[in-house]
Amino acid sequence: MNNMTILDAIKQRHSVRSYSDRPFEKEKLDALQALVEECNQQSGLHIQLVTNDPTAFDSRMAHYGKFSGISNYLAMIGPKSDDLLDEKIGYYGERLVLEAQMMGLNSCWVGLTFKKNPSVLQIADGEKLRCVISLGYGESQGVAHKIKRAEQVSNVSDLTPDWFRQGVEAALLAPTAVNQQKFTFEYLPASNGQPARVHAKSSFSIVGFTHVDLGIVKYHFEVAAGKENFEWE
């Protein structure tokens, strides 16, 4: 819908908490809904695109978090029994976030400062709402935050391929809970007829959400590194 590439979106996208009342254009809404359905089919999640519902952010906690003007969001829902639920939510949620950015929309991952509206969401027995992602036309484009160096979160060096560094640097631009960046990437060279591999893992954080963060950063890594260059360990 514009000339922004997904790599542009990774570089330009920042969290936005205040939104205007400008409605979504139908073509953008339709495109987002189609992608939500595709992500659900691929992942087994039950992501829902909610529009015109201001109740999720009509609370003291939301005001404390400085959220305003939000009536559109993605409800990130999935089966409680899925051991990889958080990672899938991060991976597929960020896919939707970057697609929204390429449409000219802004977004913000929200883990706590929202409330569940049972009359709007469809949450079956055995499912849970893990987090939401606000969507809309922001009052600003957000601001960049301080990030770690590639060497602090990976074994990148002069001996690792360029695609690995590109992937790590894109991962460092990904949103993580309170900008904690509690993740690492390890390059494992090709051997014994096996392709190069990358091992990604999260570390403990009192804030939580590290496995959601891991899914987010793995999506960024794949986009920039090229999935054809490696396999996940």
Protein backbone atom coordinates (compact mmCIF):
# COMPACT_ATOMS: atom_id res chain seq x y z
CA MET A 1 0.00 0.00 0.00
CA ASN A 2 3.11 2.17 0.02
CA ASN A 3 6.76 1.73 -0.90
CA MET A 4 7.99 0.72 2.57
CA THR A 5 9.77 -2.63 2.68
CA ILE A 6 9.73 -4.95 5.66
CA LEU A 7 13.34 -4.00 6.44
CA ASP A 8 12.28 -0.34 6.37
CA ALA A 9 9.48 -1.24 8.78
CA ILE A 10 11.94 -2.90 11.18
CA LYS A 11 14.07 0.24 11.22
CA GLN A 12 11.24 2.78 11.40
CA ARG A 13 8.74 1.14 13.70
CA HIS A 14 8.63 2.31 17.35
CA SER A 15 6.04 1.76 20.07
CA VAL A 16 3.20 4.29 20.07
CA ARG A 17 0.77 4.70 22.98
CA SER A 18 -1.42 7.63 21.88
CA TYR A 19 -3.65 7.47 18.80
CA SER A 20 -5.91 9.72 16.76
CA ASP A 21 -9.54 8.83 16.03
CA ARG A 22 -8.86 8.35 12.32
CA PRO A 23 -10.57 5.10 11.23
CA PHE A 24 -8.90 2.31 9.27
CA GLU A 25 -9.43 2.31 5.52
CA LYS A 26 -11.37 -0.75 4.38
CA GLU A 27 -8.54 -2.10 2.25
CA LYS A 28 -6.16 -1.99 5.21
CA LEU A 29 -8.67 -3.61 7.52
CA ASP A 30 -9.33 -6.37 4.97
CA ALA A 31 -5.61 -6.96 4.45
CA LEU A 32 -4.96 -7.21 8.19
CA GLN A 33 -7.87 -9.59 8.70
CA ALA A 34 -6.63 -11.82 5.88
CA LEU A 35 -3.16 -11.94 7.44
CA VAL A 36 -4.63 -12.71 10.87
CA GLU A 37 -6.45 -15.69 9.38
CA GLU A 38 -3.28 -16.86 7.63
CA CYS A 39 -1.25 -16.58 10.84
CA ASN A 40 -3.89 -18.53 12.76
CA GLN A 41 -3.91 -21.30 10.17
CA GLN A 42 -0.12 -21.60 10.25
CA SER A 43 0.31 -21.39 14.03
CA GLY A 44 -2.79 -22.85 15.67
CA LEU A 45 -3.31 -19.54 17.50
CA HIS A 46 -6.65 -17.72 17.79
CA ILE A 47 -5.53 -14.13 17.14
CA GLN A 48 -8.45 -11.71 16.82
CA LEU A 49 -8.51 -8.28 15.19
CA VAL A 50 -10.78 -6.02 17.23
CA THR A 51 -11.96 -2.63 15.98
CA ASN A 52 -14.02 0.15 17.57
CA ASP A 53 -13.66 -1.17 21.13
CA PRO A 54 -12.29 1.49 23.51
CA THR A 55 -13.09 -0.57 26.61
CA ALA A 56 -9.84 -2.58 26.65
CA PHE A 57 -7.88 0.57 27.46
CA ASP A 58 -10.51 2.34 29.55
CA SER A 59 -8.95 1.63 32.93
CA ARG A 60 -6.74 3.19 35.57
CA MET A 61 -3.89 0.90 34.57
CA ALA A 62 -4.12 2.04 30.94
CA HIS A 63 -4.05 5.67 31.97
CA TYR A 64 -1.07 4.91 34.20
CA GLY A 65 0.65 3.40 31.17
CA LYS A 66 -0.09 6.61 29.24
CA PHE A 67 -2.27 4.87 26.65
CA SER A 68 -4.92 6.99 24.96
CA GLY A 69 -7.19 6.93 21.94
CA ILE A 70 -7.01 3.17 21.48
CA SER A 71 -10.05 1.41 20.06
CA ASN A 72 -8.35 -1.04 17.66
CA TYR A 73 -6.12 -3.90 18.72
CA LEU A 74 -4.98 -7.45 18.13
CA ALA A 75 -5.94 -9.89 20.88
CA MET A 76 -3.19 -12.50 21.08
CA ILE A 77 -5.02 -15.68 22.09
CA GLY A 78 -3.95 -19.29 21.93
CA PRO A 79 -4.22 -22.74 23.54
CA LYS A 80 -2.92 -23.03 27.10
CA SER A 81 -1.61 -26.51 26.29
CA ASP A 82 0.85 -25.28 23.64
CA ASP A 83 4.35 -25.30 25.15
CA LEU A 84 5.46 -22.79 22.51
CA LEU A 85 2.45 -20.49 22.97
CA ASP A 86 4.41 -17.40 24.05
CA GLU A 87 7.02 -17.78 21.32
CA LYS A 88 4.36 -18.23 18.65
CA ILE A 89 2.48 -15.18 19.91
CA GLY A 90 5.65 -13.12 19.63
CA TYR A 91 6.59 -14.45 16.20
CA TYR A 92 3.20 -14.11 14.52
CA GLY A 93 2.27 -10.96 16.40
CA GLU A 94 5.40 -9.22 15.15
CA ARG A 95 4.64 -10.37 11.63
CA LEU A 96 1.33 -8.52 11.95
CA VAL A 97 2.99 -5.50 13.57
CA LEU A 98 5.45 -5.06 10.71
CA GLU A 99 2.73 -5.53 8.11
CA ALA A 100 0.71 -2.81 9.88
CA GLN A 101 3.76 -0.54 9.86
CA MET A 102 4.10 -1.01 6.10
CA MET A 103 0.47 0.10 5.80
CA GLY A 104 1.27 3.31 7.65
CA LEU A 105 -0.23 2.17 10.96
CA ASN A 106 1.37 2.36 14.40
CA SER A 107 1.35 -0.21 17.16
CA CYS A 108 2.42 -1.16 20.68
CA TRP A 109 2.78 -4.52 22.42
CA VAL A 110 0.85 -4.44 25.70
CA GLY A 111 1.31 -7.14 28.33
CA LEU A 112 -0.54 -5.88 31.39
CA THR A 113 -2.29 -2.50 31.13
CA PHE A 114 -5.49 -3.62 29.42
CA LYS A 115 -8.68 -5.38 30.43
CA LYS A 116 -10.45 -8.30 28.79
CA ASN A 117 -13.90 -7.65 27.34
CA PRO A 118 -15.79 -11.00 27.24
CA SER A 119 -18.52 -9.51 25.03
CA VAL A 120 -15.98 -8.70 22.31
CA LEU A 121 -13.44 -11.52 22.46
CA GLN A 122 -14.02 -15.18 21.69
CA ILE A 123 -11.92 -17.18 24.13
CA ALA A 124 -12.73 -20.88 24.26
CA ASP A 125 -12.15 -23.21 27.18
CA GLY A 126 -8.49 -24.17 27.12
CA GLU A 127 -7.45 -20.85 25.56
CA LYS A 128 -6.00 -17.72 27.13
CA LEU A 129 -5.45 -14.11 26.22
CA ARG A 130 -1.72 -13.57 26.64
CA CYS A 131 -1.38 -9.93 25.54
CA VAL A 132 -2.71 -7.40 23.06
CA ILE A 133 -1.22 -5.16 20.39
CA SER A 134 -2.69 -1.69 19.93
CA LEU A 135 -3.14 -0.55 16.34
CA GLY A 136 -4.03 2.74 14.69
CA TYR A 137 -2.81 6.08 13.45
CA GLY A 138 -0.48 7.38 16.11
CA GLU A 139 -0.26 10.92 17.38
CA SER A 140 3.47 10.47 16.74
CA GLN A 141 5.79 7.86 15.24
CA GLY A 142 7.30 6.99 18.61
CA VAL A 143 10.95 7.26 19.59
CA ALA A 144 13.92 4.94 19.41
CA HIS A 145 15.34 3.44 22.60
CA LYS A 146 18.89 2.53 23.55
CA ILE A 147 19.85 -0.94 22.34
CA LYS A 148 22.68 -3.35 23.05
CA ARG A 149 25.53 -4.07 20.65
CA ALA A 150 25.47 -7.19 18.49
CA GLU A 151 28.52 -8.52 20.36
CA GLN A 152 26.59 -8.36 23.64
CA VAL A 153 23.86 -10.72 22.49
CA SER A 154 25.63 -13.06 20.07
CA ASN A 155 28.89 -14.68 19.03
CA VAL A 156 29.09 -12.45 15.95
CA SER A 157 32.68 -11.91 14.76
CA ASP A 158 34.81 -11.53 11.66
CA LEU A 159 34.41 -15.29 11.19
CA THR A 160 30.60 -15.32 11.08
CA PRO A 161 28.79 -14.59 7.80
CA ASP A 162 27.30 -11.19 7.00
CA TRP A 163 23.76 -12.55 7.11
CA PHE A 164 24.23 -13.53 10.75
CA ARG A 165 25.24 -10.01 11.79
CA GLN A 166 22.38 -8.57 9.75
CA GLY A 167 19.97 -10.86 11.56
CA VAL A 168 21.29 -9.98 15.00
CA GLU A 169 21.20 -6.26 14.28
CA ALA A 170 17.58 -6.55 13.11
CA ALA A 171 16.73 -8.51 16.27
CA LEU A 172 18.15 -5.69 18.37
CA LEU A 173 15.63 -3.32 16.77
CA ALA A 174 12.72 -5.53 17.88
CA PRO A 175 10.42 -4.48 20.72
CA THR A 176 10.90 -6.37 24.00
CA ALA A 177 9.16 -5.95 27.35
CA VAL A 178 10.50 -2.78 29.03
CA ASN A 179 13.29 -2.92 26.43
CA GLN A 180 14.92 -5.76 28.38
CA GLN A 181 16.57 -7.52 25.39
CA LYS A 182 17.05 -10.74 27.34
CA PHE A 183 18.04 -12.90 24.37
CA THR A 184 21.11 -14.35 22.69
CA PHE A 185 21.91 -15.77 19.26
CA GLU A 186 24.66 -18.31 18.59
CA TYR A 187 25.98 -19.07 15.11
CA LEU A 188 26.79 -22.74 14.51
CA PRO A 189 28.67 -23.32 11.23
CA ALA A 190 27.67 -25.92 8.68
CA SER A 191 29.21 -29.34 9.31
CA ASN A 192 28.82 -32.99 8.32
CA GLY A 193 26.57 -32.08 5.44
CA GLN A 194 24.25 -30.07 7.69
CA PRO A 195 23.49 -26.39 6.96
CA ALA A 196 24.49 -23.54 9.23
CA ARG A 197 22.33 -23.33 12.34
CA VAL A 198 21.38 -20.59 14.76
CA HIS A 199 20.55 -21.18 18.39
CA ALA A 200 18.35 -18.51 19.96
CA LYS A 201 17.42 -18.46 23.61
CA SER A 202 16.00 -16.15 26.24
CA SER A 203 17.29 -15.59 29.77
CA PHE A 204 15.45 -15.03 33.02
CA SER A 205 13.80 -11.70 33.71
CA ILE A 206 11.70 -10.66 36.69
CA VAL A 207 9.55 -8.72 34.23
CA GLY A 208 8.57 -11.88 32.37
CA PHE A 209 7.44 -12.11 28.73
CA THR A 210 10.90 -13.30 27.65
CA HIS A 211 9.48 -16.12 25.51
CA VAL A 212 7.13 -13.69 23.77
CA ASP A 213 10.18 -11.47 23.22
CA LEU A 214 12.08 -14.46 21.81
CA GLY A 215 9.40 -15.04 19.19
CA ILE A 216 9.50 -11.36 18.23
CA VAL A 217 13.28 -11.22 17.83
CA LYS A 218 13.38 -14.52 15.93
CA TYR A 219 10.99 -13.09 13.35
CA HIS A 220 13.18 -10.00 12.95
CA PHE A 221 16.25 -12.22 12.63
CA GLU A 222 14.66 -14.37 9.92
CA VAL A 223 13.57 -11.36 7.89
CA ALA A 224 17.05 -9.81 7.82
CA ALA A 225 19.18 -12.96 7.73
CA GLY A 226 17.15 -14.84 5.13
CA LYS A 227 15.56 -18.16 6.10
CA GLU A 228 17.38 -19.83 3.20
CA ASN A 229 20.76 -19.27 4.94
CA PHE A 230 20.24 -21.28 8.11
CA GLU A 231 18.09 -23.56 10.22
CA TRP A 232 17.03 -22.96 13.83
CA GLU A 233 18.85 -25.17 16.30
